[in-house]
Amino acid sequence: MSSSTITSSGVGSGTDFESIISASVSAKKKLYEKRTTKRKGEAEIERDGLNTLKSAMSTFKDACDKLTKKNSMNTHAITTTQNKDNTCFTVTGESDCSNTNFDLAVTQLAKAESVTQQFKTADGFKNSFSAGKITIDLGPETYKDDDGIEQTRERTFSVDIQEGDTLELIRKRLNQNDYDLNVGLIKTEDGYSLSITSGSTGKDTSNLKITTESTDTADHDSLNIFNFDPSAETTTETDNTGMEHKVSASGSKWSYQEGKDAWIEVDGHKVTSHTNSFDDNQISGLNVTVSQLTKDSNGNFTTYNVDVSTDGDGAKNKMQEFVDAYNKLMSSMDTLYKRNSYSDGENQYDGGDLAGDSQLKSVQNTLQTMVVRFTKENTGKSIFDCGLEYNKDGTLSLDSDAFKKSIDNSFNSVVSLFTDEDDGLIKQLSDYVKEYTQTGGVLSDRIDEVQSEIDDWEQKISDNEEKLEKYEASLRTKYGNLDSLMSGYNTSLSYISSILSISSILSGSK
């Protein structure tokens, strides 16, 4: 309320109009607050409750999504006989992998196609190139798009070379490509060593070709020394270190390394991969990533045993994570739903932020029903066949012994019942909760509606403040006028009184 409108009423007449004005404004303010502030406060409580509910459901959904990710419930124990401090490979299992035991050897690592060339100052190398262009062709590449459809693209790019560019500048320009091609440069005692490595490993990726366009001048090195075409290289030279170089007609000397596939032996059977990873399509239910050859101290290839067995304790712990997440959500819902108590007809606001909310109760009941009635058709099992128990308060508990027994008897069926990516219980719960937690979802829309209501009440409060200012101003005008009138009357009365007093004195003196 603006202080500029406040004046001291009643000064002229001596009447306490200020108290009358203050009492009148205070009474009207209380009336306004009863209608607005209370309703705004109730809406704020509802909004906070909805935000808490959304957060609790989002946390539950995150827990569900974690448990339904590929391999999340893969609780097989995988052990190998290799040295833990110097492993040659790692093995992970898919959710549908089976118990198995086999011997594995790594006999070749996948390598990318590469070329290396020495540039020696003793041979007249100036490290200052003529202007032109370098084009690198990596050949076609087959890949799968976002829809899983196999596509083919050509991998060719060119860089412009400025007159006087050095090997370092050329390296930087060539590394700016979209195909993971890598160019390295080492400064040696007698010059430089330049390497170009394809971004893809595997035997079938050996397609590297380098062509140049050069403005050859006497003061600069020609770009022609970069030319490389493995199909056209017919001459092989061996330097004093024993390194073989493919020599082109243009005079370029490249040490060439063809791309290689990775090789492993599983129980003596050879398995190949273009990369150093072998997926579950090659070794049923397992993924193998190799990092070094399995050679003994004498340099001979050896094998290591791999054992895959059911990890009942691991599966139980994962199941307990779900139970804990579900119970935490139920507890949050119960707290939010707790009804308020009333005393002498007045709401004590001692319940939850969503006390008695019908939508909250409906969501909670739906979740509980989904759990209790869930049965997976292809397994014929319910959650109660697998050690889960439903408590009277709506929470779940896990019978560890019963659950481990079901895991031992039918591991894949139990895992599928809960975590199947299409129709498992946890996936269905996650999908249902998503309708409420996602942007533009049920709870987001309701929160927006309540916030809009709060904004309206805030506007009404602001409007009421303006009304109170105007009301106070009108009272001050009203009582100010009355004060002036009464002050005039008092002045007249005082004057008459003084005249009468003088007249009385004069009459008495005669």
Protein backbone atom coordinates (compact mmCIF):
# COMPACT_ATOMS: atom_id res chain seq x y z
CA MET A 1 0.00 0.00 0.00
CA SER A 2 1.42 3.36 -0.99
CA SER A 3 2.55 5.53 1.95
CA SER A 4 1.98 8.71 -0.09
CA THR A 5 -1.77 8.36 0.47
CA ILE A 6 -1.46 8.23 4.25
CA THR A 7 -2.27 11.49 6.09
CA SER A 8 -3.22 12.15 9.68
CA SER A 9 -6.99 12.46 9.80
CA GLY A 10 -8.76 14.36 12.63
CA VAL A 11 -6.06 16.97 13.29
CA GLY A 12 -8.44 19.84 12.63
CA SER A 13 -11.39 18.62 14.69
CA GLY A 14 -9.46 16.67 17.27
CA THR A 15 -11.49 13.53 16.45
CA ASP A 16 -9.56 10.17 16.09
CA PHE A 17 -10.56 9.48 12.48
CA GLU A 18 -7.19 7.69 11.95
CA SER A 19 -8.28 4.77 14.12
CA ILE A 20 -11.59 4.56 12.26
CA ILE A 21 -9.78 4.44 8.90
CA SER A 22 -7.24 1.86 10.11
CA ALA A 23 -9.96 -0.41 11.50
CA SER A 24 -12.04 -0.15 8.32
CA VAL A 25 -9.05 -0.97 6.03
CA SER A 26 -7.97 -3.84 8.27
CA ALA A 27 -11.45 -5.37 8.22
CA LYS A 28 -11.67 -5.23 4.45
CA LYS A 29 -8.12 -6.63 4.10
CA LYS A 30 -9.04 -9.65 6.24
CA LEU A 31 -12.08 -10.22 4.05
CA TYR A 32 -9.95 -10.16 0.91
CA GLU A 33 -7.31 -12.47 2.42
CA LYS A 34 -9.93 -14.99 3.46
CA ARG A 35 -11.00 -15.26 -0.16
CA THR A 36 -7.61 -15.17 -1.90
CA THR A 37 -4.57 -15.93 0.25
CA LYS A 38 -6.12 -19.10 1.64
CA ARG A 39 -7.09 -20.39 -1.80
CA LYS A 40 -3.66 -19.50 -3.22
CA GLY A 41 -1.97 -21.34 -0.34
CA GLU A 42 -4.10 -24.44 -0.95
CA ALA A 43 -3.22 -24.37 -4.65
CA GLU A 44 0.50 -24.09 -3.80
CA ILE A 45 0.26 -27.11 -1.54
CA GLU A 46 -1.40 -29.07 -4.36
CA ARG A 47 1.26 -28.00 -6.84
CA ASP A 48 4.08 -29.02 -4.49
CA GLY A 49 2.36 -32.36 -3.92
CA LEU A 50 2.04 -33.00 -7.65
CA ASN A 51 5.72 -32.18 -8.17
CA THR A 52 6.64 -34.59 -5.38
CA LEU A 53 4.45 -37.29 -6.93
CA LYS A 54 5.95 -36.75 -10.36
CA SER A 55 9.47 -36.93 -8.93
CA ALA A 56 8.69 -40.15 -7.04
CA MET A 57 7.17 -41.77 -10.12
CA SER A 58 10.11 -40.63 -12.26
CA THR A 59 12.54 -42.20 -9.79
CA PHE A 60 10.56 -45.44 -9.94
CA LYS A 61 10.55 -45.35 -13.74
CA ASP A 62 14.32 -44.85 -13.82
CA ALA A 63 14.74 -47.91 -11.62
CA CYS A 64 12.44 -49.92 -13.91
CA ASP A 65 14.24 -48.79 -17.05
CA LYS A 66 17.56 -49.76 -15.54
CA LEU A 67 16.26 -53.26 -14.88
CA THR A 68 14.80 -53.71 -18.37
CA LYS A 69 17.90 -52.63 -20.29
CA LYS A 70 19.59 -55.33 -22.29
CA ASN A 71 21.64 -57.59 -20.02
CA SER A 72 20.51 -55.79 -16.85
CA MET A 73 19.24 -59.04 -15.37
CA ASN A 74 22.02 -61.12 -16.81
CA THR A 75 23.10 -62.55 -13.52
CA HIS A 76 25.25 -65.34 -14.85
CA ALA A 77 28.63 -65.60 -13.21
CA ILE A 78 31.37 -65.63 -15.86
CA THR A 79 34.87 -66.66 -14.81
CA THR A 80 38.09 -67.28 -16.77
CA THR A 81 41.44 -68.83 -15.91
CA GLN A 82 43.43 -65.93 -17.40
CA ASN A 83 45.58 -63.66 -15.24
CA LYS A 84 43.26 -61.02 -13.76
CA ASP A 85 46.05 -58.43 -13.84
CA ASN A 86 46.82 -59.02 -17.51
CA THR A 87 43.68 -60.07 -19.33
CA CYS A 88 43.61 -60.87 -23.03
CA PHE A 89 39.82 -60.82 -23.44
CA THR A 90 36.58 -60.06 -21.62
CA VAL A 91 33.34 -62.05 -21.76
CA THR A 92 29.87 -60.69 -20.98
CA GLY A 93 26.55 -62.47 -21.23
CA GLU A 94 23.17 -61.59 -22.69
CA SER A 95 20.05 -62.16 -20.62
CA ASP A 96 19.31 -65.35 -22.53
CA CYS A 97 22.77 -66.91 -22.33
CA SER A 98 23.05 -70.48 -21.12
CA ASN A 99 25.39 -72.16 -18.69
CA THR A 100 28.42 -73.36 -20.61
CA ASN A 101 32.14 -74.11 -20.41
CA PHE A 102 34.76 -73.80 -23.15
CA ASP A 103 38.43 -73.04 -23.90
CA LEU A 104 39.30 -69.84 -25.75
CA ALA A 105 42.45 -68.58 -27.50
CA VAL A 106 43.10 -65.23 -29.19
CA THR A 107 45.29 -65.85 -32.25
CA GLN A 108 44.97 -62.55 -34.15
CA LEU A 109 43.78 -59.01 -33.39
CA ALA A 110 41.82 -56.91 -35.84
CA LYS A 111 43.84 -54.13 -37.38
CA ALA A 112 43.03 -51.19 -39.58
CA GLU A 113 44.66 -50.71 -42.93
CA SER A 114 47.59 -48.30 -42.65
CA VAL A 115 50.53 -46.80 -44.56
CA THR A 116 53.73 -45.26 -43.18
CA GLN A 117 56.38 -43.25 -45.01
CA GLN A 118 59.75 -41.85 -43.95
CA PHE A 119 60.70 -38.34 -45.06
CA LYS A 120 64.47 -37.92 -44.62
CA THR A 121 66.26 -34.56 -44.79
CA ALA A 122 69.38 -36.38 -45.99
CA ASP A 123 67.44 -37.30 -49.14
CA GLY A 124 66.77 -33.64 -49.88
CA PHE A 125 63.40 -33.39 -48.14
CA LYS A 126 62.57 -29.71 -47.55
CA ASN A 127 59.32 -30.05 -45.51
CA SER A 128 57.79 -27.33 -47.65
CA PHE A 129 55.22 -28.57 -50.17
CA SER A 130 53.92 -27.17 -53.41
CA ALA A 131 50.29 -26.12 -53.67
CA GLY A 132 47.68 -28.64 -54.73
CA LYS A 133 45.20 -31.18 -53.42
CA ILE A 134 45.34 -34.53 -51.61
CA THR A 135 42.41 -36.95 -52.05
CA ILE A 136 41.96 -40.02 -49.87
CA ASP A 137 39.61 -42.83 -50.90
CA LEU A 138 38.78 -45.41 -48.24
CA GLY A 139 36.42 -47.38 -50.44
CA PRO A 140 32.73 -48.15 -49.78
CA GLU A 141 31.42 -48.80 -46.28
CA THR A 142 28.35 -50.83 -45.32
CA TYR A 143 26.44 -49.71 -42.23
CA LYS A 144 22.98 -49.83 -40.67
CA ASP A 145 20.89 -46.67 -40.42
CA ASP A 146 18.67 -45.65 -37.50
CA ASP A 147 15.95 -47.98 -38.79
CA GLY A 148 18.33 -50.94 -38.92
CA ILE A 149 18.39 -50.95 -42.73
CA GLU A 150 21.74 -51.76 -44.31
CA GLN A 151 23.19 -48.87 -46.32
CA THR A 152 26.37 -48.29 -48.34
CA ARG A 153 28.32 -45.05 -48.60
CA GLU A 154 31.47 -43.99 -50.37
CA ARG A 155 34.27 -42.67 -48.15
CA THR A 156 36.24 -40.09 -50.08
CA PHE A 157 37.47 -36.66 -49.08
CA SER A 158 39.97 -34.06 -50.29
CA VAL A 159 42.01 -31.31 -48.63
CA ASP A 160 43.60 -28.28 -50.26
CA ILE A 161 47.32 -27.75 -49.70
CA GLN A 162 48.77 -24.25 -49.70
CA GLU A 163 52.21 -23.50 -51.08
CA GLY A 164 54.78 -23.88 -48.31
CA ASP A 165 52.63 -26.14 -46.08
CA THR A 166 54.59 -28.48 -43.83
CA LEU A 167 53.90 -32.09 -42.90
CA GLU A 168 52.42 -30.89 -39.61
CA LEU A 169 49.94 -28.62 -41.41
CA ILE A 170 49.03 -31.42 -43.82
CA ARG A 171 48.51 -33.78 -40.87
CA LYS A 172 46.09 -31.35 -39.23
CA ARG A 173 44.10 -30.86 -42.44
CA LEU A 174 43.84 -34.60 -43.17
CA ASN A 175 42.65 -35.32 -39.62
CA GLN A 176 39.63 -33.10 -40.22
CA ASN A 177 37.53 -35.88 -41.78
CA ASP A 178 34.24 -37.65 -41.12
CA TYR A 179 35.56 -41.22 -41.44
CA ASP A 180 37.75 -41.63 -38.31
CA LEU A 181 40.85 -41.71 -40.48
CA ASN A 182 43.85 -40.86 -38.31
CA VAL A 183 47.10 -39.25 -39.44
CA GLY A 184 50.12 -39.31 -37.12
CA LEU A 185 53.49 -37.59 -37.40
CA ILE A 186 56.73 -38.35 -35.53
CA LYS A 187 59.85 -36.18 -35.76
CA THR A 188 62.81 -38.52 -36.02
CA GLU A 189 66.56 -38.00 -35.80
CA ASP A 190 66.91 -37.75 -39.58
CA GLY A 191 63.48 -36.43 -40.61
CA TYR A 192 59.86 -37.38 -40.14
CA SER A 193 57.65 -40.47 -40.06
CA LEU A 194 54.08 -40.02 -41.33
CA SER A 195 51.38 -42.65 -40.77
CA ILE A 196 47.83 -42.81 -42.14
CA THR A 197 45.46 -45.31 -40.54
CA SER A 198 41.97 -46.19 -41.75
CA GLY A 199 39.13 -45.73 -39.29
CA SER A 200 37.81 -49.26 -39.79
CA THR A 201 39.42 -52.57 -38.91
CA GLY A 202 39.08 -55.82 -40.84
CA LYS A 203 40.41 -57.57 -43.91
CA ASP A 204 37.62 -56.34 -46.17
CA THR A 205 38.46 -52.71 -45.43
CA SER A 206 41.75 -52.74 -47.33
CA ASN A 207 40.79 -50.11 -49.90
CA LEU A 208 43.03 -47.15 -49.04
CA LYS A 209 44.05 -45.08 -52.06
CA ILE A 210 45.78 -41.67 -52.12
CA THR A 211 45.90 -39.42 -55.16
CA THR A 212 47.29 -35.90 -55.52
CA GLU A 213 47.19 -32.85 -57.74
CA SER A 214 50.38 -30.85 -57.40
CA THR A 215 51.86 -27.65 -58.77
CA ASP A 216 55.44 -28.79 -58.72
CA THR A 217 58.06 -26.08 -58.18
CA ALA A 218 61.77 -26.32 -57.65
CA ASP A 219 61.63 -24.68 -54.23
CA HIS A 220 59.12 -27.12 -52.70
CA ASP A 221 58.52 -30.82 -52.20
CA SER A 222 56.02 -32.29 -54.65
CA LEU A 223 52.73 -33.71 -53.34
CA ASN A 224 53.28 -36.66 -55.68
CA ILE A 225 55.26 -38.45 -52.96
CA PHE A 226 51.92 -39.04 -51.17
CA ASN A 227 50.42 -41.03 -54.06
CA PHE A 228 49.44 -44.57 -53.09
CA ASP A 229 47.48 -47.24 -54.95
CA PRO A 230 48.02 -50.77 -53.60
CA SER A 231 46.68 -52.33 -56.80
CA ALA A 232 49.21 -50.40 -58.85
CA GLU A 233 52.25 -50.91 -56.63
CA THR A 234 54.36 -53.58 -58.23
CA THR A 235 57.79 -52.92 -56.76
CA THR A 236 58.76 -53.86 -53.22
CA GLU A 237 61.95 -52.59 -51.57
CA THR A 238 63.46 -53.58 -48.24
CA ASP A 239 65.36 -50.99 -46.21
CA ASN A 240 68.28 -51.64 -43.85
CA THR A 241 65.89 -52.40 -40.99
CA GLY A 242 64.16 -55.15 -42.92
CA MET A 243 61.00 -53.08 -43.48
CA GLU A 244 59.30 -53.67 -46.82
CA HIS A 245 58.11 -50.68 -48.83
CA LYS A 246 55.75 -50.65 -51.75
CA VAL A 247 57.20 -48.23 -54.29
CA SER A 248 55.06 -46.48 -56.86
CA ALA A 249 56.08 -45.14 -60.19
CA SER A 250 55.78 -41.65 -58.74
CA GLY A 251 58.58 -42.38 -56.30
CA SER A 252 56.55 -42.56 -53.07
CA LYS A 253 57.67 -45.19 -50.60
CA TRP A 254 54.97 -46.47 -48.23
CA SER A 255 55.19 -49.24 -45.69
CA TYR A 256 51.80 -50.86 -46.16
CA GLN A 257 49.82 -52.83 -43.57
CA GLU A 258 46.68 -54.54 -44.80
CA GLY A 259 43.58 -54.59 -42.65
CA LYS A 260 43.17 -57.76 -40.59
CA ASP A 261 40.27 -59.63 -38.99
CA ALA A 262 40.39 -60.77 -35.39
CA TRP A 263 40.69 -64.53 -34.88
CA ILE A 264 39.74 -66.56 -31.84
CA GLU A 265 39.48 -70.30 -31.29
CA VAL A 266 36.60 -71.67 -29.23
CA ASP A 267 37.25 -75.27 -28.27
CA GLY A 268 39.51 -75.44 -31.32
CA HIS A 269 36.99 -73.90 -33.74
CA LYS A 270 38.09 -70.74 -35.55
CA VAL A 271 35.79 -67.68 -35.28
CA THR A 272 36.51 -64.38 -37.09
CA SER A 273 35.37 -60.78 -36.74
CA HIS A 274 36.14 -57.54 -38.61
CA THR A 275 36.59 -55.88 -35.21
CA ASN A 276 38.03 -56.99 -31.88
CA SER A 277 34.51 -57.74 -30.67
CA PHE A 278 32.54 -60.95 -31.20
CA ASP A 279 28.80 -60.65 -30.60
CA ASP A 280 26.21 -63.09 -29.33
CA ASN A 281 25.29 -64.08 -32.89
CA GLN A 282 28.71 -65.75 -33.18
CA ILE A 283 28.95 -67.20 -29.67
CA SER A 284 25.40 -67.85 -28.54
CA GLY A 285 24.39 -65.59 -25.70
CA LEU A 286 27.88 -64.18 -25.12
CA ASN A 287 29.93 -61.18 -26.20
CA VAL A 288 33.72 -61.44 -26.36
CA THR A 289 36.10 -58.48 -26.69
CA VAL A 290 39.79 -59.26 -27.30
CA SER A 291 42.71 -56.97 -26.45
CA GLN A 292 45.87 -59.06 -26.86
CA LEU A 293 47.04 -62.45 -28.07
CA THR A 294 46.91 -65.40 -25.68
CA LYS A 295 50.58 -66.35 -25.73
CA ASP A 296 52.59 -67.93 -22.96
CA SER A 297 56.03 -66.82 -21.79
CA ASN A 298 57.61 -68.79 -24.65
CA GLY A 299 55.53 -67.00 -27.29
CA ASN A 300 53.30 -70.02 -27.97
CA PHE A 301 49.54 -69.72 -28.25
CA THR A 302 47.63 -71.03 -25.26
CA THR A 303 44.00 -71.30 -24.22
CA TYR A 304 42.07 -70.11 -21.18
CA ASN A 305 38.95 -71.71 -19.79
CA VAL A 306 35.67 -69.77 -19.70
CA ASP A 307 32.90 -70.89 -17.35
CA VAL A 308 29.36 -69.50 -17.40
CA SER A 309 27.03 -70.44 -14.56
CA THR A 310 23.84 -69.09 -13.00
CA ASP A 311 24.36 -66.42 -10.34
CA GLY A 312 21.32 -66.85 -8.10
CA ASP A 313 22.47 -64.23 -5.58
CA GLY A 314 22.98 -61.67 -8.33
CA ALA A 315 19.47 -62.26 -9.67
CA LYS A 316 18.03 -61.98 -6.16
CA ASN A 317 19.79 -58.64 -5.60
CA LYS A 318 18.38 -57.27 -8.86
CA MET A 319 14.91 -58.40 -7.86
CA GLN A 320 15.33 -56.76 -4.47
CA GLU A 321 16.18 -53.48 -6.23
CA PHE A 322 12.79 -53.61 -7.94
CA VAL A 323 10.96 -54.45 -4.72
CA ASP A 324 12.67 -51.57 -2.89
CA ALA A 325 11.87 -49.10 -5.69
CA TYR A 326 8.22 -50.20 -5.79
CA ASN A 327 7.82 -49.98 -2.01
CA LYS A 328 9.43 -46.54 -1.93
CA LEU A 329 6.88 -45.30 -4.47
CA MET A 330 3.99 -46.80 -2.51
CA SER A 331 5.25 -45.13 0.68
CA SER A 332 5.53 -41.75 -1.05
CA MET A 333 1.98 -42.11 -2.37
CA ASP A 334 0.65 -43.02 1.05
CA THR A 335 2.31 -39.95 2.60
CA LEU A 336 0.93 -37.65 -0.09
CA TYR A 337 -2.59 -39.12 0.17
CA LYS A 338 -2.94 -38.95 3.99
CA ARG A 339 -6.16 -37.06 4.72
CA ASN A 340 -6.32 -33.86 6.76
CA SER A 341 -8.01 -33.75 10.16
CA TYR A 342 -10.64 -31.19 11.18
CA SER A 343 -11.18 -29.41 14.49
CA ASP A 344 -14.37 -27.42 15.09
CA GLY A 345 -14.99 -27.56 11.36
CA GLU A 346 -11.58 -26.06 10.55
CA ASN A 347 -9.09 -27.87 8.29
CA GLN A 348 -5.87 -28.52 10.23
CA TYR A 349 -3.83 -29.19 7.06
CA ASP A 350 -1.93 -31.97 8.84
CA GLY A 351 -2.28 -34.54 6.05
CA GLY A 352 -0.35 -35.00 2.83
CA ASP A 353 0.09 -32.39 0.12
CA LEU A 354 -2.42 -34.35 -1.98
CA ALA A 355 -4.71 -35.31 0.88
CA GLY A 356 -7.59 -37.46 -0.38
CA ASP A 357 -6.65 -36.82 -4.04
CA SER A 358 -8.70 -39.13 -6.26
CA GLN A 359 -6.19 -39.19 -9.14
CA LEU A 360 -3.36 -40.20 -6.83
CA LYS A 361 -5.40 -43.03 -5.35
CA SER A 362 -6.43 -44.20 -8.82
CA VAL A 363 -2.80 -44.38 -9.99
CA GLN A 364 -1.75 -46.25 -6.85
CA ASN A 365 -4.59 -48.75 -7.17
CA THR A 366 -3.76 -49.35 -10.84
CA LEU A 367 -0.11 -50.07 -10.09
CA GLN A 368 -1.04 -52.47 -7.31
CA THR A 369 -3.54 -54.26 -9.55
CA MET A 370 -0.99 -54.59 -12.36
CA VAL A 371 1.41 -56.29 -9.95
CA VAL A 372 -1.10 -58.60 -8.31
CA ARG A 373 -2.79 -59.79 -11.50
CA PHE A 374 0.29 -60.02 -13.75
CA THR A 375 0.85 -63.33 -15.53
CA LYS A 376 3.09 -63.85 -18.57
CA GLU A 377 1.39 -66.01 -21.17
CA ASN A 378 4.45 -67.72 -22.60
CA THR A 379 5.70 -68.74 -19.14
CA GLY A 380 2.42 -69.45 -17.37
CA LYS A 381 4.00 -67.99 -14.24
CA SER A 382 2.87 -65.22 -11.93
CA ILE A 383 5.15 -63.19 -9.68
CA PHE A 384 3.93 -65.21 -6.71
CA ASP A 385 5.36 -68.37 -8.27
CA CYS A 386 8.80 -66.74 -8.08
CA GLY A 387 9.08 -65.72 -4.44
CA LEU A 388 7.35 -62.32 -4.45
CA GLU A 389 4.74 -61.70 -1.75
CA TYR A 390 2.05 -59.02 -1.62
CA ASN A 391 1.54 -57.42 1.79
CA LYS A 392 -1.68 -56.03 3.27
CA ASP A 393 -0.31 -52.47 3.16
CA GLY A 394 0.17 -52.72 -0.61
CA THR A 395 3.94 -53.25 -0.52
CA LEU A 396 5.97 -56.20 -1.80
CA SER A 397 8.45 -58.48 -0.10
CA LEU A 398 10.86 -61.05 -1.53
CA ASP A 399 11.20 -64.60 -0.26
CA SER A 400 14.88 -65.16 -1.07
CA ASP A 401 14.81 -68.95 -0.82
CA ALA A 402 11.71 -69.30 -3.01
CA PHE A 403 13.12 -66.86 -5.57
CA LYS A 404 16.50 -68.63 -5.80
CA LYS A 405 14.71 -71.96 -6.19
CA SER A 406 12.67 -70.60 -9.13
CA ILE A 407 15.86 -69.16 -10.66
CA ASP A 408 17.66 -72.48 -10.37
CA ASN A 409 14.73 -74.36 -11.94
CA SER A 410 13.87 -71.92 -14.74
CA PHE A 411 16.26 -69.01 -14.99
CA ASN A 412 15.25 -67.63 -18.42
CA SER A 413 11.52 -67.88 -17.70
CA VAL A 414 11.82 -65.98 -14.43
CA VAL A 415 14.01 -63.27 -15.95
CA SER A 416 11.60 -62.94 -18.88
CA LEU A 417 8.62 -62.68 -16.52
CA PHE A 418 10.02 -59.59 -14.89
CA THR A 419 12.38 -57.91 -17.37
CA ASP A 420 11.30 -58.87 -20.89
CA GLU A 421 11.84 -55.77 -23.03
CA ASP A 422 8.43 -56.14 -24.69
CA ASP A 423 5.94 -57.46 -22.16
CA GLY A 424 7.69 -58.14 -18.85
CA LEU A 425 6.07 -56.84 -15.64
CA ILE A 426 8.67 -54.15 -15.01
CA LYS A 427 8.43 -52.89 -18.62
CA GLN A 428 4.64 -52.61 -18.35
CA LEU A 429 4.91 -50.69 -15.07
CA SER A 430 7.45 -48.35 -16.64
CA ASP A 431 5.21 -47.71 -19.65
CA TYR A 432 2.24 -46.93 -17.41
CA VAL A 433 4.20 -44.53 -15.21
CA LYS A 434 5.62 -42.81 -18.31
CA GLU A 435 2.14 -41.51 -19.18
CA TYR A 436 2.27 -39.45 -15.98
CA THR A 437 5.93 -38.42 -15.82
CA GLN A 438 6.80 -37.47 -19.39
CA THR A 439 6.87 -33.89 -20.65
CA GLY A 440 3.32 -33.08 -21.67
CA GLY A 441 2.09 -36.05 -19.66
CA VAL A 442 -0.84 -36.23 -17.25
CA LEU A 443 0.96 -34.79 -14.23
CA SER A 444 2.73 -32.08 -16.22
CA ASP A 445 -0.60 -30.87 -17.60
CA ARG A 446 -2.17 -30.87 -14.17
CA ILE A 447 0.79 -29.00 -12.63
CA ASP A 448 0.47 -26.38 -15.36
CA GLU A 449 -3.25 -26.01 -14.60
CA VAL A 450 -2.63 -25.57 -10.87
CA GLN A 451 0.18 -23.10 -11.53
CA SER A 452 -2.18 -21.11 -13.74
CA GLU A 453 -4.67 -21.05 -10.86
CA ILE A 454 -1.92 -19.81 -8.52
CA ASP A 455 -1.05 -17.06 -10.99
CA ASP A 456 -4.71 -16.03 -11.07
CA TRP A 457 -4.87 -15.83 -7.29
CA GLU A 458 -1.65 -13.80 -7.22
CA GLN A 459 -3.21 -11.38 -9.68
CA LYS A 460 -6.32 -11.12 -7.50
CA ILE A 461 -4.13 -10.40 -4.47
CA SER A 462 -2.40 -7.63 -6.44
CA ASP A 463 -5.78 -6.28 -7.55
CA ASN A 464 -7.02 -6.35 -3.95
CA GLU A 465 -4.03 -4.32 -2.84
CA GLU A 466 -4.95 -1.67 -5.37
CA LYS A 467 -8.57 -1.80 -4.19
CA LEU A 468 -7.42 -1.34 -0.58
CA GLU A 469 -5.34 1.68 -1.58
CA LYS A 470 -8.33 3.23 -3.31
CA TYR A 471 -10.60 2.33 -0.39
CA GLU A 472 -8.22 3.95 2.10
CA ALA A 473 -7.91 7.02 -0.11
CA SER A 474 -11.71 7.35 -0.29
CA LEU A 475 -11.97 7.05 3.50
CA ARG A 476 -9.36 9.72 3.97
CA THR A 477 -11.20 12.02 1.58
CA LYS A 478 -14.48 11.33 3.35
CA TYR A 479 -13.15 11.81 6.85
CA GLY A 480 -10.92 14.68 5.76
CA ASN A 481 -13.97 16.58 4.57
CA LEU A 482 -15.78 15.72 7.81
CA ASP A 483 -12.76 16.87 9.80
CA SER A 484 -12.71 20.21 7.95
CA LEU A 485 -16.46 20.66 8.51
CA MET A 486 -16.19 19.83 12.18
CA SER A 487 -13.16 22.08 12.51
CA GLY A 488 -15.22 24.96 11.01
CA TYR A 489 -18.04 24.26 13.42
CA ASN A 490 -15.63 24.23 16.31
CA THR A 491 -14.17 27.58 15.19
CA SER A 492 -17.68 29.13 14.96
CA LEU A 493 -18.64 27.77 18.35
CA SER A 494 -15.45 29.11 19.85
CA TYR A 495 -16.13 32.53 18.35
CA ILE A 496 -19.74 32.62 19.59
CA SER A 497 -18.57 31.44 22.98
CA SER A 498 -16.02 34.26 23.17
CA ILE A 499 -18.64 36.88 22.14
CA LEU A 500 -21.03 35.62 24.75
CA SER A 501 -18.28 35.70 27.32
CA ILE A 502 -17.38 39.33 26.49
CA SER A 503 -21.04 40.34 26.50
CA SER A 504 -21.46 38.81 29.91
CA ILE A 505 -18.51 40.72 31.23
CA LEU A 506 -19.77 44.01 29.83
CA SER A 507 -23.23 43.46 31.32
CA GLY A 508 -21.77 42.83 34.70
CA SER A 509 -19.76 46.05 34.74
CA LYS A 510 -22.80 48.34 34.40
